[in-house]
Amino acid sequence: MGLNVDPGPWAVGTLVGLAGLLVLLEPVVDPLAVGTARVPAVVLGALVLIAALLLGGVVFARRGRRVPAVVHGGAGLGLLALVVGPAVGAWLLVAGVALLAAVGLSTVSGR
């Protein structure tokens, strides 16, 4: 008679909580050292949120829920393009905006 707990949603929720905490800490902490770079906490929060969205897409896909899986995966990839785009090039930034717009429109229209 043990608990039947699915770790997927717990992992996603933990990542979302960590992302929120990093965003809230931005005004009070100095940029964090990641390797040789100094990265603001809000950027790390965005990257953790991207990981949560992508993992959420996998969790929904494993449950057979195709639409939420595509929406989460698309939002994760679009946000990744927005965060990484300025460092890589404008084309990736534009692709991220287009992908997020497409995911948003498909979500609103229910398709």
PDB file of N, CA and C in Angstrom:
ATOM      1  N   MET A   1       0.823  -1.182   0.000  1.00  0.00           N
ATOM      2  CA  MET A   1       0.000   0.000   0.000  1.00  0.00           C
ATOM      3  C   MET A   1       0.869   1.249   0.000  1.00  0.00           C
ATOM      4  N   GLY A   2       1.720   1.399  -1.008  1.00  0.00           N
ATOM      5  CA  GLY A   2       2.577   2.574  -1.094  1.00  0.00           C
ATOM      6  C   GLY A   2       1.931   3.671  -1.919  1.00  0.00           C
ATOM      7  N   LEU A   3       2.549   4.798  -1.881  1.00  0.00           N
ATOM      8  CA  LEU A   3       2.071   5.916  -2.682  1.00  0.00           C
ATOM      9  C   LEU A   3       2.462   5.710  -4.135  1.00  0.00           C
ATOM     10  N   ASN A   4       1.530   5.922  -5.023  1.00  0.00           N
ATOM     11  CA  ASN A   4       1.807   5.835  -6.447  1.00  0.00           C
ATOM     12  C   ASN A   4       1.984   7.262  -6.962  1.00  0.00           C
ATOM     13  N   VAL A   5       3.208   7.761  -6.902  1.00  0.00           N
ATOM     14  CA  VAL A   5       3.490   9.149  -7.254  1.00  0.00           C
ATOM     15  C   VAL A   5       4.244   9.185  -8.579  1.00  0.00           C
ATOM     16  N   ASP A   6       3.730   9.962  -9.511  1.00  0.00           N
ATOM     17  CA  ASP A   6       4.403  10.159 -10.792  1.00  0.00           C
ATOM     18  C   ASP A   6       5.450  11.259 -10.617  1.00  0.00           C
ATOM     19  N   PRO A   7       6.731  10.957 -10.827  1.00  0.00           N
ATOM     20  CA  PRO A   7       7.773  11.965 -10.581  1.00  0.00           C
ATOM     21  C   PRO A   7       7.804  13.090 -11.618  1.00  0.00           C
ATOM     22  N   GLY A   8       7.213  12.891 -12.789  1.00  0.00           N
ATOM     23  CA  GLY A   8       7.258  13.906 -13.839  1.00  0.00           C
ATOM     24  C   GLY A   8       6.697  15.252 -13.421  1.00  0.00           C
ATOM     25  N   PRO A   9       5.435  15.299 -12.975  1.00  0.00           N
ATOM     26  CA  PRO A   9       4.880  16.588 -12.545  1.00  0.00           C
ATOM     27  C   PRO A   9       5.636  17.204 -11.369  1.00  0.00           C
ATOM     28  N   TRP A  10       6.140  16.373 -10.473  1.00  0.00           N
ATOM     29  CA  TRP A  10       6.919  16.902  -9.345  1.00  0.00           C
ATOM     30  C   TRP A  10       8.198  17.554  -9.844  1.00  0.00           C
ATOM     31  N   ALA A  11       8.847  16.934 -10.819  1.00  0.00           N
ATOM     32  CA  ALA A  11      10.081  17.510 -11.368  1.00  0.00           C
ATOM     33  C   ALA A  11       9.788  18.829 -12.079  1.00  0.00           C
ATOM     34  N   VAL A  12       8.708  18.852 -12.859  1.00  0.00           N
ATOM     35  CA  VAL A  12       8.334  20.084 -13.562  1.00  0.00           C
ATOM     36  C   VAL A  12       8.009  21.185 -12.555  1.00  0.00           C
ATOM     37  N   GLY A  13       7.225  20.866 -11.545  1.00  0.00           N
ATOM     38  CA  GLY A  13       6.871  21.850 -10.527  1.00  0.00           C
ATOM     39  C   GLY A  13       8.076  22.376  -9.774  1.00  0.00           C
ATOM     40  N   THR A  14       9.022  21.502  -9.489  1.00  0.00           N
ATOM     41  CA  THR A  14      10.247  21.921  -8.806  1.00  0.00           C
ATOM     42  C   THR A  14      11.043  22.887  -9.676  1.00  0.00           C
ATOM     43  N   LEU A  15      11.150  22.577 -10.965  1.00  0.00           N
ATOM     44  CA  LEU A  15      11.876  23.469 -11.875  1.00  0.00           C
ATOM     45  C   LEU A  15      11.181  24.822 -12.001  1.00  0.00           C
ATOM     46  N   VAL A  16       9.859  24.821 -12.091  1.00  0.00           N
ATOM     47  CA  VAL A  16       9.122  26.090 -12.185  1.00  0.00           C
ATOM     48  C   VAL A  16       9.326  26.913 -10.914  1.00  0.00           C
ATOM     49  N   GLY A  17       9.280  26.256  -9.767  1.00  0.00           N
ATOM     50  CA  GLY A  17       9.516  26.955  -8.502  1.00  0.00           C
ATOM     51  C   GLY A  17      10.916  27.532  -8.417  1.00  0.00           C
ATOM     52  N   LEU A  18      11.909  26.764  -8.858  1.00  0.00           N
ATOM     53  CA  LEU A  18      13.291  27.246  -8.862  1.00  0.00           C
ATOM     54  C   LEU A  18      13.446  28.433  -9.807  1.00  0.00           C
ATOM     55  N   ALA A  19      12.791  28.366 -10.968  1.00  0.00           N
ATOM     56  CA  ALA A  19      12.848  29.485 -11.915  1.00  0.00           C
ATOM     57  C   ALA A  19      12.258  30.745 -11.288  1.00  0.00           C
ATOM     58  N   GLY A  20      11.125  30.603 -10.632  1.00  0.00           N
ATOM     59  CA  GLY A  20      10.506  31.749  -9.968  1.00  0.00           C
ATOM     60  C   GLY A  20      11.381  32.318  -8.873  1.00  0.00           C
ATOM     61  N   LEU A  21      12.017  31.451  -8.106  1.00  0.00           N
ATOM     62  CA  LEU A  21      12.914  31.899  -7.044  1.00  0.00           C
ATOM     63  C   LEU A  21      14.099  32.671  -7.617  1.00  0.00           C
ATOM     64  N   LEU A  22      14.666  32.178  -8.709  1.00  0.00           N
ATOM     65  CA  LEU A  22      15.790  32.881  -9.335  1.00  0.00           C
ATOM     66  C   LEU A  22      15.373  34.262  -9.838  1.00  0.00           C
ATOM     67  N   VAL A  23      14.181  34.364 -10.400  1.00  0.00           N
ATOM     68  CA  VAL A  23      13.697  35.663 -10.877  1.00  0.00           C
ATOM     69  C   VAL A  23      13.485  36.614  -9.698  1.00  0.00           C
ATOM     70  N   LEU A  24      12.922  36.110  -8.615  1.00  0.00           N
ATOM     71  CA  LEU A  24      12.699  36.957  -7.439  1.00  0.00           C
ATOM     72  C   LEU A  24      14.005  37.392  -6.778  1.00  0.00           C
ATOM     73  N   LEU A  25      15.043  36.575  -6.873  1.00  0.00           N
ATOM     74  CA  LEU A  25      16.329  36.905  -6.262  1.00  0.00           C
ATOM     75  C   LEU A  25      17.140  37.908  -7.081  1.00  0.00           C
ATOM     76  N   GLU A  26      16.747  38.154  -8.308  1.00  0.00           N
ATOM     77  CA  GLU A  26      17.518  39.026  -9.208  1.00  0.00           C
ATOM     78  C   GLU A  26      17.907  40.368  -8.583  1.00  0.00           C
ATOM     79  N   PRO A  27      16.996  41.081  -7.936  1.00  0.00           N
ATOM     80  CA  PRO A  27      17.381  42.403  -7.415  1.00  0.00           C
ATOM     81  C   PRO A  27      18.339  42.357  -6.224  1.00  0.00           C
ATOM     82  N   VAL A  28      18.428  41.220  -5.550  1.00  0.00           N
ATOM     83  CA  VAL A  28      19.212  41.189  -4.310  1.00  0.00           C
ATOM     84  C   VAL A  28      20.497  40.374  -4.386  1.00  0.00           C
ATOM     85  N   VAL A  29      20.748  39.698  -5.494  1.00  0.00           N
ATOM     86  CA  VAL A  29      21.982  38.916  -5.617  1.00  0.00           C
ATOM     87  C   VAL A  29      22.797  39.424  -6.802  1.00  0.00           C
ATOM     88  N   ASP A  30      24.099  39.278  -6.673  1.00  0.00           N
ATOM     89  CA  ASP A  30      24.988  39.606  -7.783  1.00  0.00           C
ATOM     90  C   ASP A  30      24.869  38.521  -8.847  1.00  0.00           C
ATOM     91  N   PRO A  31      25.305  38.820 -10.078  1.00  0.00           N
ATOM     92  CA  PRO A  31      25.306  37.766 -11.098  1.00  0.00           C
ATOM     93  C   PRO A  31      26.081  36.542 -10.605  1.00  0.00           C
ATOM     94  N   LEU A  32      25.585  35.378 -10.967  1.00  0.00           N
ATOM     95  CA  LEU A  32      26.161  34.124 -10.499  1.00  0.00           C
ATOM     96  C   LEU A  32      27.228  33.633 -11.469  1.00  0.00           C
ATOM     97  N   ALA A  33      28.269  33.023 -10.937  1.00  0.00           N
ATOM     98  CA  ALA A  33      29.346  32.489 -11.767  1.00  0.00           C
ATOM     99  C   ALA A  33      28.919  31.146 -12.345  1.00  0.00           C
ATOM    100  N   VAL A  34      28.920  31.071 -13.662  1.00  0.00           N
ATOM    101  CA  VAL A  34      28.665  29.820 -14.366  1.00  0.00           C
ATOM    102  C   VAL A  34      29.870  29.600 -15.268  1.00  0.00           C
ATOM    103  N   GLY A  35      30.759  28.740 -14.841  1.00  0.00           N
ATOM    104  CA  GLY A  35      32.028  28.595 -15.544  1.00  0.00           C
ATOM    105  C   GLY A  35      32.827  29.871 -15.371  1.00  0.00           C
ATOM    106  N   THR A  36      33.241  30.460 -16.477  1.00  0.00           N
ATOM    107  CA  THR A  36      33.992  31.717 -16.417  1.00  0.00           C
ATOM    108  C   THR A  36      33.091  32.935 -16.603  1.00  0.00           C
ATOM    109  N   ALA A  37      31.823  32.710 -16.908  1.00  0.00           N
ATOM    110  CA  ALA A  37      30.894  33.822 -17.164  1.00  0.00           C
ATOM    111  C   ALA A  37      30.140  34.204 -15.891  1.00  0.00           C
ATOM    112  N   ARG A  38      29.722  35.457 -15.841  1.00  0.00           N
ATOM    113  CA  ARG A  38      28.853  35.951 -14.767  1.00  0.00           C
ATOM    114  C   ARG A  38      27.460  36.124 -15.375  1.00  0.00           C
ATOM    115  N   VAL A  39      26.501  35.352 -14.892  1.00  0.00           N
ATOM    116  CA  VAL A  39      25.165  35.318 -15.481  1.00  0.00           C
ATOM    117  C   VAL A  39      24.153  35.856 -14.467  1.00  0.00           C
ATOM    118  N   PRO A  40      23.315  36.826 -14.883  1.00  0.00           N
ATOM    119  CA  PRO A  40      22.270  37.326 -13.978  1.00  0.00           C
ATOM    120  C   PRO A  40      21.297  36.210 -13.585  1.00  0.00           C
ATOM    121  N   ALA A  41      20.777  36.296 -12.379  1.00  0.00           N
ATOM    122  CA  ALA A  41      19.854  35.269 -11.879  1.00  0.00           C
ATOM    123  C   ALA A  41      18.610  35.154 -12.753  1.00  0.00           C
ATOM    124  N   VAL A  42      18.153  36.259 -13.330  1.00  0.00           N
ATOM    125  CA  VAL A  42      16.947  36.211 -14.155  1.00  0.00           C
ATOM    126  C   VAL A  42      17.189  35.392 -15.430  1.00  0.00           C
ATOM    127  N   VAL A  43      18.396  35.431 -15.964  1.00  0.00           N
ATOM    128  CA  VAL A  43      18.714  34.621 -17.149  1.00  0.00           C
ATOM    129  C   VAL A  43      18.728  33.143 -16.774  1.00  0.00           C
ATOM    130  N   LEU A  44      19.322  32.828 -15.625  1.00  0.00           N
ATOM    131  CA  LEU A  44      19.294  31.440 -15.165  1.00  0.00           C
ATOM    132  C   LEU A  44      17.859  30.989 -14.904  1.00  0.00           C
ATOM    133  N   GLY A  45      17.036  31.893 -14.361  1.00  0.00           N
ATOM    134  CA  GLY A  45      15.629  31.570 -14.142  1.00  0.00           C
ATOM    135  C   GLY A  45      14.917  31.255 -15.447  1.00  0.00           C
ATOM    136  N   ALA A  46      15.215  32.021 -16.487  1.00  0.00           N
ATOM    137  CA  ALA A  46      14.611  31.764 -17.800  1.00  0.00           C
ATOM    138  C   ALA A  46      15.052  30.408 -18.340  1.00  0.00           C
ATOM    139  N   LEU A  47      16.323  30.072 -18.165  1.00  0.00           N
ATOM    140  CA  LEU A  47      16.820  28.780 -18.646  1.00  0.00           C
ATOM    141  C   LEU A  47      16.192  27.618 -17.879  1.00  0.00           C
ATOM    142  N   VAL A  48      16.004  27.786 -16.582  1.00  0.00           N
ATOM    143  CA  VAL A  48      15.352  26.737 -15.786  1.00  0.00           C
ATOM    144  C   VAL A  48      13.886  26.609 -16.201  1.00  0.00           C
ATOM    145  N   LEU A  49      13.224  27.726 -16.488  1.00  0.00           N
ATOM    146  CA  LEU A  49      11.840  27.672 -16.960  1.00  0.00           C
ATOM    147  C   LEU A  49      11.754  26.962 -18.312  1.00  0.00           C
ATOM    148  N   ILE A  50      12.724  27.197 -19.175  1.00  0.00           N
ATOM    149  CA  ILE A  50      12.768  26.494 -20.463  1.00  0.00           C
ATOM    150  C   ILE A  50      12.870  24.995 -20.236  1.00  0.00           C
ATOM    151  N   ALA A  51      13.742  24.592 -19.315  1.00  0.00           N
ATOM    152  CA  ALA A  51      13.873  23.168 -18.999  1.00  0.00           C
ATOM    153  C   ALA A  51      12.551  22.605 -18.483  1.00  0.00           C
ATOM    154  N   ALA A  52      11.842  23.383 -17.660  1.00  0.00           N
ATOM    155  CA  ALA A  52      10.550  22.935 -17.132  1.00  0.00           C
ATOM    156  C   ALA A  52       9.523  22.769 -18.252  1.00  0.00           C
ATOM    157  N   LEU A  53       9.488  23.715 -19.181  1.00  0.00           N
ATOM    158  CA  LEU A  53       8.546  23.612 -20.301  1.00  0.00           C
ATOM    159  C   LEU A  53       8.849  22.393 -21.170  1.00  0.00           C
ATOM    160  N   LEU A  54      10.124  22.184 -21.473  1.00  0.00           N
ATOM    161  CA  LEU A  54      10.492  21.035 -22.306  1.00  0.00           C
ATOM    162  C   LEU A  54      10.196  19.721 -21.590  1.00  0.00           C
ATOM    163  N   LEU A  55      10.505  19.658 -20.306  1.00  0.00           N
ATOM    164  CA  LEU A  55      10.187  18.453 -19.535  1.00  0.00           C
ATOM    165  C   LEU A  55       8.674  18.260 -19.447  1.00  0.00           C
ATOM    166  N   GLY A  56       7.927  19.354 -19.299  1.00  0.00           N
ATOM    167  CA  GLY A  56       6.467  19.262 -19.294  1.00  0.00           C
ATOM    168  C   GLY A  56       5.940  18.683 -20.601  1.00  0.00           C
ATOM    169  N   GLY A  57       6.568  19.065 -21.712  1.00  0.00           N
ATOM    170  CA  GLY A  57       6.183  18.495 -22.999  1.00  0.00           C
ATOM    171  C   GLY A  57       6.397  16.991 -23.039  1.00  0.00           C
ATOM    172  N   VAL A  58       7.510  16.543 -22.489  1.00  0.00           N
ATOM    173  CA  VAL A  58       7.796  15.104 -22.440  1.00  0.00           C
ATOM    174  C   VAL A  58       6.793  14.388 -21.533  1.00  0.00           C
ATOM    175  N   VAL A  59       6.494  14.976 -20.385  1.00  0.00           N
ATOM    176  CA  VAL A  59       5.541  14.362 -19.449  1.00  0.00           C
ATOM    177  C   VAL A  59       4.173  14.216 -20.109  1.00  0.00           C
ATOM    178  N   PHE A  60       3.706  15.264 -20.776  1.00  0.00           N
ATOM    179  CA  PHE A  60       2.410  15.173 -21.453  1.00  0.00           C
ATOM    180  C   PHE A  60       2.451  14.158 -22.593  1.00  0.00           C
ATOM    181  N   ALA A  61       3.542  14.122 -23.338  1.00  0.00           N
ATOM    182  CA  ALA A  61       3.647  13.171 -24.448  1.00  0.00           C
ATOM    183  C   ALA A  61       3.606  11.729 -23.938  1.00  0.00           C
ATOM    184  N   ARG A  62       4.274  11.458 -22.834  1.00  0.00           N
ATOM    185  CA  ARG A  62       4.273  10.103 -22.275  1.00  0.00           C
ATOM    186  C   ARG A  62       2.888   9.698 -21.791  1.00  0.00           C
ATOM    187  N   ARG A  63       2.051  10.670 -21.478  1.00  0.00           N
ATOM    188  CA  ARG A  63       0.678  10.386 -21.048  1.00  0.00           C
ATOM    189  C   ARG A  63      -0.284  10.322 -22.230  1.00  0.00           C
ATOM    190  N   GLY A  64       0.226  10.551 -23.436  1.00  0.00           N
ATOM    191  CA  GLY A  64      -0.617  10.506 -24.619  1.00  0.00           C
ATOM    192  C   GLY A  64      -1.415  11.771 -24.869  1.00  0.00           C
ATOM    193  N   ARG A  65      -1.059  12.854 -24.208  1.00  0.00           N
ATOM    194  CA  ARG A  65      -1.773  14.131 -24.374  1.00  0.00           C
ATOM    195  C   ARG A  65      -0.984  14.985 -25.359  1.00  0.00           C
ATOM    196  N   ARG A  66      -1.316  14.814 -26.627  1.00  0.00           N
ATOM    197  CA  ARG A  66      -0.525  15.390 -27.707  1.00  0.00           C
ATOM    198  C   ARG A  66      -0.535  16.915 -27.739  1.00  0.00           C
ATOM    199  N   VAL A  67      -1.695  17.531 -27.621  1.00  0.00           N
ATOM    200  CA  VAL A  67      -1.788  18.992 -27.737  1.00  0.00           C
ATOM    201  C   VAL A  67      -1.015  19.700 -26.626  1.00  0.00           C
ATOM    202  N   PRO A  68      -1.217  19.350 -25.347  1.00  0.00           N
ATOM    203  CA  PRO A  68      -0.403  20.011 -24.318  1.00  0.00           C
ATOM    204  C   PRO A  68       1.092  19.735 -24.483  1.00  0.00           C
ATOM    205  N   ALA A  69       1.433  18.560 -24.989  1.00  0.00           N
ATOM    206  CA  ALA A  69       2.849  18.242 -25.212  1.00  0.00           C
ATOM    207  C   ALA A  69       3.446  19.166 -26.266  1.00  0.00           C
ATOM    208  N   VAL A  70       2.722  19.361 -27.356  1.00  0.00           N
ATOM    209  CA  VAL A  70       3.214  20.234 -28.430  1.00  0.00           C
ATOM    210  C   VAL A  70       3.285  21.680 -27.955  1.00  0.00           C
ATOM    211  N   VAL A  71       2.284  22.118 -27.200  1.00  0.00           N
ATOM    212  CA  VAL A  71       2.275  23.499 -26.706  1.00  0.00           C
ATOM    213  C   VAL A  71       3.445  23.734 -25.752  1.00  0.00           C
ATOM    214  N   HIS A  72       3.668  22.820 -24.825  1.00  0.00           N
ATOM    215  CA  HIS A  72       4.782  22.982 -23.890  1.00  0.00           C
ATOM    216  C   HIS A  72       6.126  22.923 -24.614  1.00  0.00           C
ATOM    217  N   GLY A  73       6.274  21.962 -25.512  1.00  0.00           N
ATOM    218  CA  GLY A  73       7.524  21.858 -26.262  1.00  0.00           C
ATOM    219  C   GLY A  73       7.768  23.066 -27.147  1.00  0.00           C
ATOM    220  N   GLY A  74       6.725  23.521 -27.828  1.00  0.00           N
ATOM    221  CA  GLY A  74       6.863  24.703 -28.686  1.00  0.00           C
ATOM    222  C   GLY A  74       7.184  25.952 -27.896  1.00  0.00           C
ATOM    223  N   ALA A  75       6.528  26.116 -26.758  1.00  0.00           N
ATOM    224  CA  ALA A  75       6.815  27.280 -25.911  1.00  0.00           C
ATOM    225  C   ALA A  75       8.238  27.217 -25.373  1.00  0.00           C
ATOM    226  N   GLY A  76       8.687  26.031 -24.993  1.00  0.00           N
ATOM    227  CA  GLY A  76      10.059  25.882 -24.509  1.00  0.00           C
ATOM    228  C   GLY A  76      11.081  26.210 -25.578  1.00  0.00           C
ATOM    229  N   LEU A  77      10.860  25.710 -26.786  1.00  0.00           N
ATOM    230  CA  LEU A  77      11.795  26.000 -27.883  1.00  0.00           C
ATOM    231  C   LEU A  77      11.751  27.469 -28.278  1.00  0.00           C
ATOM    232  N   GLY A  78      10.552  28.057 -28.299  1.00  0.00           N
ATOM    233  CA  GLY A  78      10.436  29.478 -28.637  1.00  0.00           C
ATOM    234  C   GLY A  78      11.120  30.365 -27.615  1.00  0.00           C
ATOM    235  N   LEU A  79      10.917  30.061 -26.337  1.00  0.00           N
ATOM    236  CA  LEU A  79      11.571  30.836 -25.282  1.00  0.00           C
ATOM    237  C   LEU A  79      13.082  30.637 -25.324  1.00  0.00           C
ATOM    238  N   LEU A  80      13.520  29.419 -25.636  1.00  0.00           N
ATOM    239  CA  LEU A  80      14.958  29.162 -25.779  1.00  0.00           C
ATOM    240  C   LEU A  80      15.544  30.023 -26.892  1.00  0.00           C
ATOM    241  N   ALA A  81      14.835  30.125 -28.005  1.00  0.00           N
ATOM    242  CA  ALA A  81      15.312  30.965 -29.106  1.00  0.00           C
ATOM    243  C   ALA A  81      15.362  32.432 -28.697  1.00  0.00           C
ATOM    244  N   LEU A  82      14.399  32.874 -27.884  1.00  0.00           N
ATOM    245  CA  LEU A  82      14.413  34.269 -27.426  1.00  0.00           C
ATOM    246  C   LEU A  82      15.571  34.543 -26.473  1.00  0.00           C
ATOM    247  N   VAL A  83      15.885  33.584 -25.612  1.00  0.00           N
ATOM    248  CA  VAL A  83      16.958  33.782 -24.635  1.00  0.00           C
ATOM    249  C   VAL A  83      18.330  33.670 -25.298  1.00  0.00           C
ATOM    250  N   VAL A  84      18.492  32.696 -26.172  1.00  0.00           N
ATOM    251  CA  VAL A  84      19.789  32.457 -26.806  1.00  0.00           C
ATOM    252  C   VAL A  84      19.955  33.308 -28.066  1.00  0.00           C
ATOM    253  N   GLY A  85      18.861  33.738 -28.660  1.00  0.00           N
ATOM    254  CA  GLY A  85      18.893  34.481 -29.918  1.00  0.00           C
ATOM    255  C   GLY A  85      19.825  35.670 -29.955  1.00  0.00           C
ATOM    256  N   PRO A  86      19.801  36.547 -28.960  1.00  0.00           N
ATOM    257  CA  PRO A  86      20.697  37.710 -29.015  1.00  0.00           C
ATOM    258  C   PRO A  86      22.178  37.336 -29.068  1.00  0.00           C
ATOM    259  N   ALA A  87      22.542  36.215 -28.472  1.00  0.00           N
ATOM    260  CA  ALA A  87      23.946  35.797 -28.491  1.00  0.00           C
ATOM    261  C   ALA A  87      24.321  35.133 -29.809  1.00  0.00           C
ATOM    262  N   VAL A  88      23.358  34.484 -30.455  1.00  0.00           N
ATOM    263  CA  VAL A  88      23.651  33.725 -31.675  1.00  0.00           C
ATOM    264  C   VAL A  88      23.430  34.558 -32.927  1.00  0.00           C
ATOM    265  N   GLY A  89      22.293  35.231 -32.993  1.00  0.00           N
ATOM    266  CA  GLY A  89      21.996  36.036 -34.169  1.00  0.00           C
ATOM    267  C   GLY A  89      20.532  36.407 -34.225  1.00  0.00           C
ATOM    268  N   ALA A  90      20.243  37.435 -34.992  1.00  0.00           N
ATOM    269  CA  ALA A  90      18.881  37.955 -35.077  1.00  0.00           C
ATOM    270  C   ALA A  90      17.922  36.938 -35.688  1.00  0.00           C
ATOM    271  N   TRP A  91      18.407  36.098 -36.570  1.00  0.00           N
ATOM    272  CA  TRP A  91      17.527  35.123 -37.218  1.00  0.00           C
ATOM    273  C   TRP A  91      16.909  34.175 -36.197  1.00  0.00           C
ATOM    274  N   LEU A  92      17.684  33.783 -35.177  1.00  0.00           N
ATOM    275  CA  LEU A  92      17.160  32.891 -34.149  1.00  0.00           C
ATOM    276  C   LEU A  92      16.150  33.620 -33.271  1.00  0.00           C
ATOM    277  N   LEU A  93      16.395  34.886 -33.012  1.00  0.00           N
ATOM    278  CA  LEU A  93      15.458  35.696 -32.235  1.00  0.00           C
ATOM    279  C   LEU A  93      14.127  35.809 -32.967  1.00  0.00           C
ATOM    280  N   VAL A  94      14.165  36.064 -34.260  1.00  0.00           N
ATOM    281  CA  VAL A  94      12.944  36.159 -35.070  1.00  0.00           C
ATOM    282  C   VAL A  94      12.232  34.809 -35.106  1.00  0.00           C
ATOM    283  N   ALA A  95      12.990  33.722 -35.226  1.00  0.00           N
ATOM    284  CA  ALA A  95      12.389  32.386 -35.226  1.00  0.00           C
ATOM    285  C   ALA A  95      11.695  32.105 -33.901  1.00  0.00           C
ATOM    286  N   GLY A  96      12.303  32.533 -32.801  1.00  0.00           N
ATOM    287  CA  GLY A  96      11.691  32.335 -31.488  1.00  0.00           C
ATOM    288  C   GLY A  96      10.388  33.085 -31.346  1.00  0.00           C
ATOM    289  N   VAL A  97      10.366  34.325 -31.807  1.00  0.00           N
ATOM    290  CA  VAL A  97       9.134  35.119 -31.754  1.00  0.00           C
ATOM    291  C   VAL A  97       8.055  34.464 -32.612  1.00  0.00           C
ATOM    292  N   ALA A  98       8.427  34.011 -33.796  1.00  0.00           N
ATOM    293  CA  ALA A  98       7.456  33.369 -34.683  1.00  0.00           C
ATOM    294  C   ALA A  98       6.909  32.084 -34.065  1.00  0.00           C
ATOM    295  N   LEU A  99       7.786  31.289 -33.461  1.00  0.00           N
ATOM    296  CA  LEU A  99       7.341  30.040 -32.845  1.00  0.00           C
ATOM    297  C   LEU A  99       6.424  30.304 -31.656  1.00  0.00           C
ATOM    298  N   LEU A 100       6.786  31.262 -30.817  1.00  0.00           N
ATOM    299  CA  LEU A 100       5.920  31.595 -29.681  1.00  0.00           C
ATOM    300  C   LEU A 100       4.572  32.136 -30.147  1.00  0.00           C
ATOM    301  N   ALA A 101       4.578  32.937 -31.211  1.00  0.00           N
ATOM    302  CA  ALA A 101       3.317  33.453 -31.750  1.00  0.00           C
ATOM    303  C   ALA A 101       2.453  32.312 -32.280  1.00  0.00           C
ATOM    304  N   ALA A 102       3.065  31.365 -32.975  1.00  0.00           N
ATOM    305  CA  ALA A 102       2.314  30.229 -33.506  1.00  0.00           C
ATOM    306  C   ALA A 102       1.737  29.374 -32.385  1.00  0.00           C
ATOM    307  N   VAL A 103       2.536  29.126 -31.351  1.00  0.00           N
ATOM    308  CA  VAL A 103       2.045  28.343 -30.210  1.00  0.00           C
ATOM    309  C   VAL A 103       0.911  29.090 -29.518  1.00  0.00           C
ATOM    310  N   GLY A 104       1.074  30.395 -29.334  1.00  0.00           N
ATOM    311  CA  GLY A 104       0.023  31.186 -28.696  1.00  0.00           C
ATOM    312  C   GLY A 104      -1.268  31.179 -29.492  1.00  0.00           C
ATOM    313  N   LEU A 105      -1.157  31.354 -30.802  1.00  0.00           N
ATOM    314  CA  LEU A 105      -2.358  31.348 -31.642  1.00  0.00           C
ATOM    315  C   LEU A 105      -3.035  29.987 -31.649  1.00  0.00           C
ATOM    316  N   SER A 106      -2.240  28.918 -31.708  1.00  0.00           N
ATOM    317  CA  SER A 106      -2.847  27.586 -31.708  1.00  0.00           C
ATOM    318  C   SER A 106      -3.508  27.283 -30.368  1.00  0.00           C
ATOM    319  N   THR A 107      -2.945  27.812 -29.288  1.00  0.00           N
ATOM    320  CA  THR A 107      -3.545  27.602 -27.970  1.00  0.00           C
ATOM    321  C   THR A 107      -4.861  28.351 -27.851  1.00  0.00           C
ATOM    322  N   VAL A 108      -4.877  29.597 -28.299  1.00  0.00           N
ATOM    323  CA  VAL A 108      -6.088  30.414 -28.212  1.00  0.00           C
ATOM    324  C   VAL A 108      -7.182  29.859 -29.113  1.00  0.00           C
ATOM    325  N   SER A 109      -6.805  29.396 -30.298  1.00  0.00           N
ATOM    326  CA  SER A 109      -7.811  28.898 -31.233  1.00  0.00           C
ATOM    327  C   SER A 109      -8.257  27.478 -30.903  1.00  0.00           C
ATOM    328  N   GLY A 110      -7.536  26.797 -30.018  1.00  0.00           N
ATOM    329  CA  GLY A 110      -7.921  25.442 -29.635  1.00  0.00           C
ATOM    330  C   GLY A 110      -7.516  24.388 -30.631  1.00  0.00           C
ATOM    331  N   ARG A 111      -6.560  24.693 -31.487  1.00  0.00           N
ATOM    332  CA  ARG A 111      -6.100  23.719 -32.490  1.00  0.00           C
ATOM    333  C   ARG A 111      -4.708  23.283 -32.200  1.00  0.00           C
TER     334      ARG A 111
END
